[in-house]
Each structure stands twice: as structure tokens, then as C-alpha cells.
Protein backbone atom coordinates (compact mmCIF):
# COMPACT_ATOMS: atom_id res chain seq x y z
CA UNK A 1 75.98 106.55 89.49
CA UNK A 2 78.78 104.67 89.77
CA UNK A 3 82.54 106.50 89.78
CA UNK A 4 84.89 104.80 87.83
CA UNK A 5 87.92 103.71 90.33
CA UNK A 6 85.95 104.28 93.14
CA UNK A 7 84.27 101.07 95.09
CA UNK A 8 80.85 102.06 96.31
CA UNK A 9 78.33 103.90 93.85
CA UNK A 10 77.42 107.91 94.40
CA UNK A 11 73.86 108.82 94.48
CA UNK A 12 73.16 111.51 91.92
CA UNK A 13 71.12 113.35 94.57
CA UNK A 14 74.98 114.44 95.36
CA UNK A 15 73.42 117.76 94.46
CA UNK A 16 72.42 121.00 96.30
CA UNK A 17 68.97 121.21 96.64
CA UNK A 18 68.15 124.76 94.80
CA UNK A 19 69.87 122.74 91.65
CA UNK A 20 66.26 120.86 91.52
CA UNK A 21 63.93 123.55 92.87
CA UNK A 22 65.42 125.36 89.59
CA UNK A 23 65.38 123.13 87.41
CA UNK A 24 61.26 121.86 88.65
CA UNK A 25 60.73 125.93 87.14
CA UNK A 26 62.71 125.19 84.18
CA UNK A 27 60.82 122.18 83.66
CA UNK A 28 57.43 123.24 84.54
CA UNK A 29 58.22 126.76 82.15
CA UNK A 30 59.45 125.09 79.13
CA UNK A 31 62.96 126.60 79.80
CA UNK A 32 64.21 123.37 78.24
CA UNK A 33 66.79 124.84 75.82
CA UNK A 34 70.50 124.30 75.74
CA UNK A 35 72.17 126.41 77.85
CA UNK A 36 76.09 126.58 78.48
CA UNK A 37 77.97 126.45 81.82
CA UNK A 38 81.18 127.49 82.28
CA UNK A 39 83.52 126.17 84.88
CA UNK A 40 86.31 128.84 85.87
CA UNK A 41 88.30 129.81 88.95
CA UNK A 42 87.57 133.38 90.32
CA UNK A 43 90.56 134.19 91.72
CA UNK A 44 94.31 132.64 92.75
CA UNK A 45 95.32 133.60 96.51
CA UNK A 46 98.44 135.14 96.70
CA UNK A 47 100.67 132.39 96.54
CA UNK A 48 99.17 130.53 94.01
CA UNK A 49 100.22 131.81 89.90
CA UNK A 50 98.89 129.15 88.08
CA UNK A 51 96.43 126.97 89.06
CA UNK A 52 97.08 122.98 87.32
CA UNK A 53 93.91 121.59 86.03
CA UNK A 54 92.77 118.10 86.90
CA UNK A 55 89.59 115.63 87.93
CA UNK A 56 88.05 116.00 83.76
CA UNK A 57 87.97 112.48 84.21
CA UNK A 58 86.38 111.60 87.05
CA UNK A 59 83.71 114.26 86.41
CA UNK A 60 83.34 112.87 82.89
CA UNK A 61 82.40 109.91 84.12
CA UNK A 62 79.99 111.28 87.24
CA UNK A 63 77.95 112.93 84.10
CA UNK A 64 77.77 109.53 81.80
CA UNK A 65 76.20 107.85 84.42
CA UNK A 66 73.71 110.75 85.78
CA UNK A 67 70.50 108.86 86.59
CA UNK A 68 67.86 109.00 89.67
CA UNK A 69 66.81 105.85 90.94
CA UNK A 70 63.41 104.49 92.42
CA UNK A 71 64.83 104.71 95.92
CA UNK A 72 65.91 108.43 95.15
CA UNK A 73 62.88 109.66 93.48
CA UNK A 74 60.87 108.15 96.41
CA UNK A 75 62.97 110.16 98.69
CA UNK A 76 62.30 113.63 96.69
CA UNK A 77 58.76 112.29 96.83
CA UNK A 78 58.85 111.73 100.66
CA UNK A 79 60.00 115.90 100.85
CA UNK A 80 56.96 117.39 99.71
CA UNK A 81 58.70 120.01 97.69
CA UNK A 82 58.57 118.18 93.79
CA UNK A 83 55.35 117.95 91.71
CA UNK A 84 54.45 114.01 89.69
CA UNK A 85 55.45 115.94 86.80
CA UNK A 86 59.15 116.79 87.48
CA UNK A 87 59.12 113.04 89.15
CA UNK A 88 58.42 111.74 86.17
CA UNK A 89 60.99 113.75 84.35
CA UNK A 90 63.87 112.85 86.59
CA UNK A 91 62.99 109.77 86.32
CA UNK A 92 63.81 109.53 82.37
CA UNK A 93 67.16 111.92 82.93
CA UNK A 94 70.23 111.26 81.02
CA UNK A 95 72.62 113.67 80.19
CA UNK A 96 72.32 114.83 75.95
CA UNK A 97 74.67 116.82 75.22
CA UNK A 98 78.65 118.26 74.85
CA UNK A 99 81.88 118.65 77.53
CA UNK A 100 84.53 121.06 76.55
CA UNK A 101 87.69 120.98 78.38
CA UNK A 102 91.14 122.45 79.06
CA UNK A 103 93.67 118.85 78.57
CA UNK A 104 94.27 117.45 81.87
CA UNK A 105 97.63 118.55 83.60
CA UNK A 106 97.15 122.21 81.93
CA UNK A 107 99.01 124.90 83.22
CA UNK A 108 95.63 127.08 84.04
CA UNK A 109 94.82 130.54 85.53
CA UNK A 110 91.87 132.85 87.21
CA UNK A 111 89.17 134.01 84.90
CA UNK A 112 89.86 131.15 82.14
CA UNK A 113 87.14 128.44 81.57
CA UNK A 114 88.44 125.43 82.23
CA UNK A 115 85.57 122.76 81.23
CA UNK A 116 81.83 124.11 79.56
CA UNK A 117 79.01 122.11 79.85
CA UNK A 118 76.14 122.26 76.85
CA UNK A 119 73.09 120.41 77.59
CA UNK A 120 69.93 121.51 78.15
CA UNK A 121 69.18 123.94 80.26
CA UNK A 122 67.63 121.23 83.51
CA UNK A 123 70.22 118.96 83.19
CA UNK A 124 72.97 121.44 83.00
CA UNK A 125 71.69 123.15 86.41
CA UNK A 126 71.72 119.53 88.08
CA UNK A 127 75.09 118.98 87.32
CA UNK A 128 76.44 121.84 88.92
CA UNK A 129 77.13 121.17 92.47
CA UNK A 130 79.25 117.39 92.17
CA UNK A 131 80.84 118.61 88.76
CA UNK A 132 82.53 121.58 90.09
CA UNK A 133 83.33 119.29 93.48
CA UNK A 134 85.62 117.33 91.00
CA UNK A 135 87.03 119.50 89.50
CA UNK A 136 88.02 122.21 91.94
CA UNK A 137 89.26 119.31 94.41
CA UNK A 138 91.59 117.53 92.37
CA UNK A 139 92.60 120.92 90.53
CA UNK A 140 93.67 122.66 94.18
CA UNK A 141 95.38 119.39 95.21
CA UNK A 142 97.20 118.89 91.59
CA UNK A 143 98.92 122.36 92.39
CA UNK A 144 99.55 121.86 96.05
CA UNK A 145 101.21 118.81 94.18
CA UNK A 146 103.37 121.04 91.36
CA UNK A 147 104.09 123.33 93.75
CA UNK A 148 106.14 120.99 95.61
CA UNK A 149 107.78 118.98 92.87
CA UNK A 150 108.82 122.75 91.38
CA UNK A 151 111.30 122.84 94.54
CA UNK A 152 112.21 119.00 94.43
CA UNK A 153 112.64 119.13 90.81
CA UNK A 154 115.33 115.46 90.93
CA UNK A 155 113.20 113.93 94.33
CA UNK A 156 111.02 111.28 95.16
CA UNK A 157 107.89 112.03 95.71
CA UNK A 158 105.11 110.08 97.20
CA UNK A 159 101.65 110.65 98.72
CA UNK A 160 101.11 109.69 102.24
CA UNK A 161 97.66 111.63 102.65
CA UNK A 162 94.74 108.27 102.92
CA UNK A 163 95.05 108.58 106.61
CA UNK A 164 94.42 112.79 107.12
CA UNK A 165 92.45 113.38 104.49
CA UNK A 166 88.53 114.40 104.00
CA UNK A 167 86.77 111.40 103.61
CA UNK A 168 88.40 108.01 101.46
CA UNK A 169 87.24 108.73 98.42
CA UNK A 170 88.99 112.21 99.29
CA UNK A 171 92.44 110.09 99.76
CA UNK A 172 91.96 108.16 95.84
CA UNK A 173 91.04 111.45 94.23
CA UNK A 174 94.44 113.47 96.45
CA UNK A 175 96.70 110.29 95.39
CA UNK A 176 95.00 110.76 91.36
CA UNK A 177 96.04 114.64 91.51
CA UNK A 178 99.38 114.39 92.88
CA UNK A 179 100.02 112.22 90.16
CA UNK A 180 99.07 114.05 87.79
CA UNK A 181 100.94 117.10 89.11
CA UNK A 182 104.33 115.50 89.85
CA UNK A 183 104.78 113.24 91.86
CA UNK A 184 105.97 109.29 91.74
CA UNK A 185 103.70 107.71 92.98
CA UNK A 186 101.04 106.88 96.43
CA UNK A 187 100.61 104.77 99.54
CA UNK A 188 96.96 104.44 98.65
CA UNK A 189 96.70 101.20 97.09
CA UNK A 190 92.84 101.30 95.71
CA UNK A 191 94.47 104.30 94.15
CA UNK A 192 97.50 102.36 92.77
CA UNK A 193 94.77 99.01 91.69
CA UNK A 194 92.31 101.40 89.55
CA UNK A 195 94.58 104.27 88.58
CA UNK A 196 98.00 102.14 87.60
CA UNK A 197 99.57 104.48 89.70
CA UNK A 198 102.98 103.64 91.72
CA UNK A 199 102.44 102.82 95.40
CA UNK A 200 104.90 103.06 97.34
CA UNK A 201 105.84 101.73 101.28
CA UNK A 202 107.99 101.51 104.28
CA UNK A 203 106.73 100.79 107.79
CA UNK A 204 105.41 102.37 110.51
CA UNK A 205 106.67 102.98 113.81
CA UNK A 206 104.28 100.41 115.39
CA UNK A 207 106.03 97.64 113.73
CA UNK A 208 109.42 98.14 115.56
CA UNK A 209 107.26 99.01 118.94
CA UNK A 210 105.38 95.68 118.07
CA UNK A 211 108.64 93.28 118.18
CA UNK A 212 110.29 95.83 121.28
CA UNK A 213 113.88 95.17 119.65
CA UNK A 214 114.74 97.29 116.37
CA UNK A 215 117.46 95.28 115.38
CA UNK A 216 115.25 91.97 115.24
CA UNK A 217 112.16 94.20 113.84
CA UNK A 218 114.74 95.81 110.98
CA UNK A 219 116.12 92.17 110.47
CA UNK A 220 112.53 89.93 110.50
CA UNK A 221 111.24 92.65 107.62
CA UNK A 222 114.51 92.79 106.20
CA UNK A 223 114.39 88.50 105.56
CA UNK A 224 110.74 89.28 104.26
CA UNK A 225 111.52 91.58 101.37
CA UNK A 226 113.63 92.82 98.67
CA UNK A 227 113.20 96.34 98.30
CA UNK A 228 113.72 96.93 102.45
CA UNK A 229 113.33 100.34 103.72
CA UNK A 230 113.80 100.87 107.13
CA UNK A 231 112.11 103.30 109.78
CA UNK A 232 114.90 104.37 112.21
CA UNK A 233 113.47 107.46 114.47
CA UNK A 234 111.33 104.99 116.66
CA UNK A 235 113.91 105.89 119.79
CA UNK A 236 117.00 107.20 118.89
CA UNK A 237 117.34 108.35 115.38
CA UNK A 238 121.21 107.88 115.39
CA UNK A 239 121.10 104.26 117.25
CA UNK A 240 118.76 103.84 115.20
CA UNK A 241 120.46 104.81 111.46
CA UNK A 242 123.65 102.86 113.35
CA UNK A 243 120.85 99.55 113.74
CA UNK A 244 120.49 99.82 110.56
CA UNK A 245 123.71 99.95 109.78
CA UNK A 246 124.62 96.65 111.43
CA UNK A 247 121.14 95.05 109.51
CA UNK A 248 122.77 96.01 106.08
CA UNK A 249 125.86 94.47 106.44
CA UNK A 250 124.50 91.49 107.50
CA UNK A 251 121.93 91.07 104.95
CA UNK A 252 124.90 91.90 102.35
CA UNK A 253 126.23 88.24 103.10
CA UNK A 254 122.76 86.86 101.56
CA UNK A 255 122.80 88.58 98.86
CA UNK A 256 120.12 91.50 99.54
CA UNK A 257 120.78 95.17 99.88
CA UNK A 258 119.32 98.11 102.04
CA UNK A 259 117.79 100.46 99.44
CA UNK A 260 116.55 103.50 101.68
CA UNK A 261 115.92 104.64 105.67
CA UNK A 262 113.01 106.78 106.77
CA UNK A 263 113.28 109.34 109.10
CA UNK A 264 110.05 111.20 110.34
CA UNK A 265 110.46 113.11 113.45
CA UNK A 266 112.88 116.26 115.17
CA UNK A 267 115.21 118.26 113.19
CA UNK A 268 115.05 117.09 109.64
CA UNK A 269 117.97 118.51 108.90
CA UNK A 270 120.62 117.80 111.39
CA UNK A 271 119.66 113.93 111.33
CA UNK A 272 119.86 113.90 107.80
CA UNK A 273 122.81 115.42 107.50
CA UNK A 274 123.89 113.37 110.47
CA UNK A 275 122.08 109.99 108.44
CA UNK A 276 124.26 110.54 105.58
CA UNK A 277 127.32 110.54 107.94
CA UNK A 278 127.18 107.57 109.41
CA UNK A 279 125.30 105.93 106.11
CA UNK A 280 128.66 107.24 103.73
CA UNK A 281 131.52 105.98 106.57
CA UNK A 282 129.58 102.66 106.64
CA UNK A 283 130.29 102.49 102.89
CA UNK A 284 126.54 102.40 102.37
CA UNK A 285 126.64 105.66 99.90
CA UNK A 286 123.99 104.11 97.35
CA UNK A 287 121.75 103.66 100.49
CA UNK A 288 118.89 106.88 100.16
CA UNK A 289 117.02 108.49 102.67
CA UNK A 290 113.84 109.70 103.14
CA UNK A 291 111.82 112.31 105.19
CA UNK A 292 108.28 112.44 106.09
CA UNK A 293 106.57 114.44 108.96
CA UNK A 294 104.06 117.73 107.88
CA UNK A 295 106.22 118.07 104.86
CA UNK A 296 104.88 121.10 101.85
CA UNK A 297 107.16 123.14 99.86
CA UNK A 298 107.86 125.31 102.25
CA UNK A 299 109.65 123.33 104.61
CA UNK A 300 111.21 120.67 101.65
CA UNK A 301 112.84 123.92 100.25
CA UNK A 302 114.16 125.28 103.56
CA UNK A 303 115.54 121.86 104.25
CA UNK A 304 117.68 121.63 100.50
CA UNK A 305 118.65 125.13 100.42
CA UNK A 306 120.14 124.32 103.68
CA UNK A 307 122.01 121.53 102.07
CA UNK A 308 119.58 118.76 103.71
CA UNK A 309 121.18 115.23 101.89
CA UNK A 310 118.12 113.84 101.31
CA UNK A 311 116.51 111.53 98.03
CA UNK A 312 112.59 111.26 99.04
CA UNK A 313 110.03 112.81 100.42
CA UNK A 314 106.71 111.28 101.93
CA UNK A 315 104.07 113.85 101.89
CA UNK A 316 100.73 113.54 103.71
CA UNK A 317 98.67 116.31 105.69
CA UNK A 318 99.68 119.09 104.05
CA UNK A 319 99.52 118.13 99.99
CA UNK A 320 96.30 116.40 101.15
CA UNK A 321 94.50 119.51 102.64
CA UNK A 322 96.83 121.79 100.55
CA UNK A 323 96.88 123.13 104.20
CA UNK A 324 98.19 126.82 103.21
CA UNK A 325 95.41 127.67 100.92
CA UNK A 326 93.01 124.71 101.57
CA UNK A 327 90.58 126.10 98.98
CA UNK A 328 89.67 127.05 95.30
CA UNK A 329 87.54 129.64 94.32
CA UNK A 330 85.83 128.51 91.43
CA UNK A 331 82.48 128.86 89.63
CA UNK A 332 79.84 126.95 87.68
CA UNK A 333 77.95 129.55 85.77
CA UNK A 334 75.31 130.28 83.10
CA UNK A 335 76.83 132.05 80.26
CA UNK A 336 74.69 130.71 76.72
CA UNK A 337 71.15 130.31 76.81
CA UNK A 338 69.54 129.15 73.36
CA UNK A 339 72.23 130.70 71.46
CA UNK A 340 72.46 133.85 73.10
CA UNK A 341 75.25 134.72 75.66
CA UNK A 342 74.37 135.63 79.70
CA UNK A 343 76.12 137.29 82.00
CA UNK A 344 75.96 138.45 85.10
CA UNK A 345 76.86 142.09 86.95
CA UNK A 346 77.43 141.17 90.60
CA UNK A 347 80.07 143.48 91.51
CA UNK A 348 83.40 141.30 92.04
CA UNK A 349 81.44 138.66 90.89
CA UNK A 350 80.88 139.81 86.67
CA UNK A 351 80.70 136.73 84.52
CA UNK A 352 82.29 137.05 80.61
CA UNK A 353 79.46 135.48 78.41
CA UNK A 354 79.11 132.36 75.30
CA UNK A 355 80.64 129.78 74.94
CA UNK A 356 84.41 130.39 74.59
CA UNK A 357 86.99 130.14 72.68
CA UNK A 358 90.58 130.30 73.94
CA UNK A 359 94.82 130.55 72.88
CA UNK A 360 97.70 130.76 74.62
CA UNK A 361 100.66 133.14 74.39
CA UNK A 362 104.07 133.86 75.80
CA UNK A 363 105.88 136.36 75.01
CA UNK A 364 108.88 138.22 76.84
CA UNK A 365 109.03 135.26 79.57
CA UNK A 366 105.16 136.26 80.26
CA UNK A 367 102.15 133.97 79.73
CA UNK A 368 99.03 135.01 78.94
CA UNK A 369 95.64 133.61 78.15
CA UNK A 370 93.70 135.23 75.54
CA UNK A 371 89.76 134.45 75.42
CA UNK A 372 87.31 135.30 72.75
CA UNK A 373 83.63 134.48 71.58
CA UNK A 374 83.15 130.92 69.94
CA UNK A 375 83.46 130.67 66.67
CA UNK A 376 86.72 133.55 66.23
CA UNK A 377 88.91 133.06 64.21
CA UNK A 378 91.97 133.67 65.94
CA UNK A 379 96.29 132.24 65.54
CA UNK A 380 97.42 129.57 68.04
CA UNK A 381 96.02 125.96 68.80
CA UNK A 382 92.31 125.87 70.29
CA UNK A 383 92.77 124.65 73.55
CA UNK A 384 88.84 124.15 74.90
CA UNK A 385 88.32 121.26 72.75
CA UNK A 386 85.34 119.47 72.89
CA UNK A 387 85.94 115.86 75.18
CA UNK A 388 82.50 114.37 75.07
CA UNK A 389 79.70 114.34 72.90
CA UNK A 390 76.27 111.91 74.35
CA UNK A 391 76.18 110.62 70.80
CA UNK A 392 79.95 109.99 70.15
CA UNK A 393 81.16 108.87 73.64
CA UNK A 394 84.77 110.31 74.54
CA UNK A 395 86.91 112.12 72.24
CA UNK A 396 90.88 112.34 73.53
CA UNK A 397 90.38 112.13 77.02
CA UNK A 398 93.80 111.25 78.18
CA UNK A 399 94.75 109.22 80.73
CA UNK A 400 96.42 109.73 84.71
CA UNK A 401 99.24 108.50 82.59
CA UNK A 402 98.74 111.70 79.32
CA UNK A 403 97.61 113.76 82.07
CA UNK A 404 100.89 113.48 83.52
CA UNK A 405 102.74 113.95 80.93
CA UNK A 406 100.99 116.98 79.51
CA UNK A 407 101.51 118.91 83.50
CA UNK A 408 105.59 117.65 83.20
CA UNK A 409 105.71 119.76 79.42
CA UNK A 410 103.81 122.64 80.88
CA UNK A 411 105.40 123.13 84.11
CA UNK A 412 109.09 122.77 82.44
CA UNK A 413 108.02 125.56 79.58
CA UNK A 414 106.35 127.39 82.52
CA UNK A 415 108.61 130.84 82.92
CA UNK A 416 109.51 130.72 86.96
CA UNK A 417 108.13 134.10 87.18
CA UNK A 418 104.89 132.19 87.55
CA UNK A 419 106.55 129.02 89.52
CA UNK A 420 107.25 130.86 93.13
CA UNK A 421 105.77 129.53 96.07
CA UNK A 422 105.59 133.03 97.39
CA UNK A 423 103.91 135.70 95.61
CA UNK A 424 104.24 134.90 92.34
CA UNK A 425 103.54 136.76 89.33
CA UNK A 426 99.78 135.72 87.64
CA UNK A 427 99.20 134.43 84.30
CA UNK A 428 97.21 137.09 82.10
CA UNK A 429 94.46 137.32 80.71
CA UNK A 430 92.78 138.79 77.60
CA UNK A 431 90.09 139.34 75.94
CA UNK A 432 89.53 139.47 72.43
CA UNK A 433 87.66 142.98 70.85
CA UNK A 434 84.53 141.07 69.62
CA UNK A 435 84.37 139.90 72.91
CA UNK A 436 84.48 142.99 74.85
CA UNK A 437 82.41 144.52 72.90
CA UNK A 438 79.51 141.88 72.91
CA UNK A 439 80.05 142.33 77.19
CA UNK A 440 79.05 145.87 76.31
CA UNK A 441 76.16 145.32 74.05
CA UNK A 442 74.52 142.84 76.96
CA UNK A 443 74.95 145.29 79.54
CA UNK A 444 73.31 148.02 77.17
CA UNK A 445 70.70 145.61 77.64
CA UNK A 446 70.24 145.02 80.47
CA UNK A 447 70.50 148.18 81.90
CA UNK A 448 67.26 149.12 79.35
CA UNK A 449 64.97 146.86 81.64
């Protein structure tokens, strides 16, 4: 298979072994009827009041391209685990079914289905790890990005994470998810090319060191480009700002203008205030200040609360790894098989049966989701909609720009109690009476066995 937007192929063997061992038994025993698997977040951490749903378009691309190639079949055969009948089954495998999903960029919460796959049991089972990987990671990063946007609503935010995230492919997904979650752009050119995300870049300290002379380095950069942003903290930040001012005055004579300076180290609060003072005294009030260097929502909130006159932030490591909460407790579970609801009763890991219907309401400043059995007549708009059908293709799948706009609309409407970056309230979840009754009925049947 090949992901849209990626420059390399990803094998359909990007699955866990047990998915294929289970699938082989399903095939042997004739368990090929339609199954529904559901992706949901088991729980949110203490400092997350919501999640921003992302990763749908890459997941659909993966599903559409599910194929086992000859060399992959040969490898499976070499393991001496899989029987010829199953290898033949895999050789002809393709996705036939439906995908239901929230719209990308939607504000989600724990427990609710964010995506559901309806397909023959072996096929739906095989997709587990790869689909879960894409949805989990992008949702994790989009949520992190939204928290940064929440504390800096009017600032330019740029993803600088490519060099520190856990893999080249992760860099692409960080750029995509952070853009959906409120960022303005990325330094990642591949993501920019494939997704149409605005790209930003300044210069590194190595550039200054290569010249050995800060003023000369600044001048040569300014001669070459129109969009001029100078990195001022290579040696001494105060002197670097003064050198940037000197070059700005010189290039004004040629019709060019210094757009911004960037500070990447030191006491950012102190140095940002110093920079603003020097720039203003020099008649450069329109020159912006960009900050970078191990930033996240916590440090940015502190800087802005203390009056840091920053205009833009480049955020890398702590965005791309979601450093404070580096994982999301998601699951991909069977909820319906051949029209019958199924559930787990495992302690702290119970599941809810059936393909769902989903609504969202806000009452008295608080938001909650209502989960019901598919087909129930409920007030409000269905939020878990069919987005892909193997016979019809994609149905209203959002572009990355549309997902971003959806997030912005959703985030603006979200009550502030859920946006707090420390110990926020969590969006509530309720079940319909019918679904509650079905859960009781299924549990009684389980206990009789």
C-alpha cells in the first residue's frame, strides 16, 4: 500500500502478528460475516478536557490500498505459521465495506466512537494496528497543537518538529495534525508540498558560524531574500539585535525591510522585552519577534502572562512528541458481529455494543455526547457519518484545510472549562436508555453461559 502524501510504500505487513493468526482461524471456521470495529479513547489524562480528532484521511488511504504483495506472501509462508488456504485468501484480499467517522477537526472526548469500520471479520481485524496508529498519533498531536493555540490565540504558530519527532513519517503527520489543530504552518517542505500547508523558515546558528561575522551573515541573507527573518542569539543576544537593526537600516535604502528576528535561547521573557525596546527605539516597531527553543503551552502561557511581546512561536520537540502526555489510550474493539451486539466485561476495559449513533449537546455551559444504538431516532445531527464505501468511494472526506476550519469553528464554540491547560473538566458522555437496556441484556446472556 502507499499512503497519499508519503514518498515511500508501506507494507500491508505493518500489522501485529496476532491479527493474522486470528484471521486465519476466522477464515478456516467460516467466520467471514460483517463485523463492526470501533476506535475510541478509553480515557483522557488529567490535563486533557477534550481531544481533537485527526488522522481520518490517511486512515482511509491506507484502507483503500490494502493489498498483500507476492514478496509479503512469501515472507508469511516462510514463517511456517500460515496455511496455503489462508495465504491464498490474503493474496486476493481487498477492503469491501464501510467506514463511519466524525469529521476531522471535531472536538471529541473519551468513550465515544470516533471511527468505525464495517467489513468482513478477517479484513476488519487485520486493519486494527495500522488504522489505530494513524488515528491515535494525529489525534494526540492535533490535541496538543490546539492547547498551544488556546494560550496564544492571536500569535503565529509554526511546527518546527521534523528533526526531533520519532521518525521521518511522524514529521509529516505532525505537520498535518498540528495544522488541523490550529497551527499556521510548518518548516517541513514535504508536508507543505503534499498538503498545501504554508511553510516557514529562518536560519540556523550554523549559518552565522559559517560566516564567522554576524553582520556579514545578516547582510548576505538580506541580499538574497525578500522575506527576511534574522536569528540574533548565536553569540550575544543584545549585540545580535543591534546588528539586526544595523542591517535593517541599510537594506531600507534598497527598498527591503526586516520582517522579524528570532530568539532561540536564554531567558526568553527578559530578552524578548529587551528586543522589543531596542527595535522600537530604532524606529522598527513593525519588526516582529519570534521565539523558539523547547516551548509548549505551559511555557508560552507563562511568557504571555508576564508580558512577553512575542508575535510568533516555533514549536518543535514538545509538540511533535506531545511531551507532557506522549500517548493516547485508544482502542479498536469489536462491537458488532453479524448484526448482533458484542461487548467486553473486563474490569476497567468494558466496551459498548453495536454500531453507534452519536449526538452532541451543550446545556448550561456544559457539553456532553449522547451515544445510542444505530437506528435510534434522536434529536440533533448525526455526528458519526459514513465517510467511505468500497462501492461508492469517499463520501465527504475533508481536505486538511476543511478539517482546520472545522476545528476552528468547534474550538471557538467549546466552553472554556474544557480548555484549561491544567486540570480541566472533561466533556461528558451519556448513553441512551435503549443502549443501556441492550448492554444489560447482553451481559445477562454472557453470565448464563
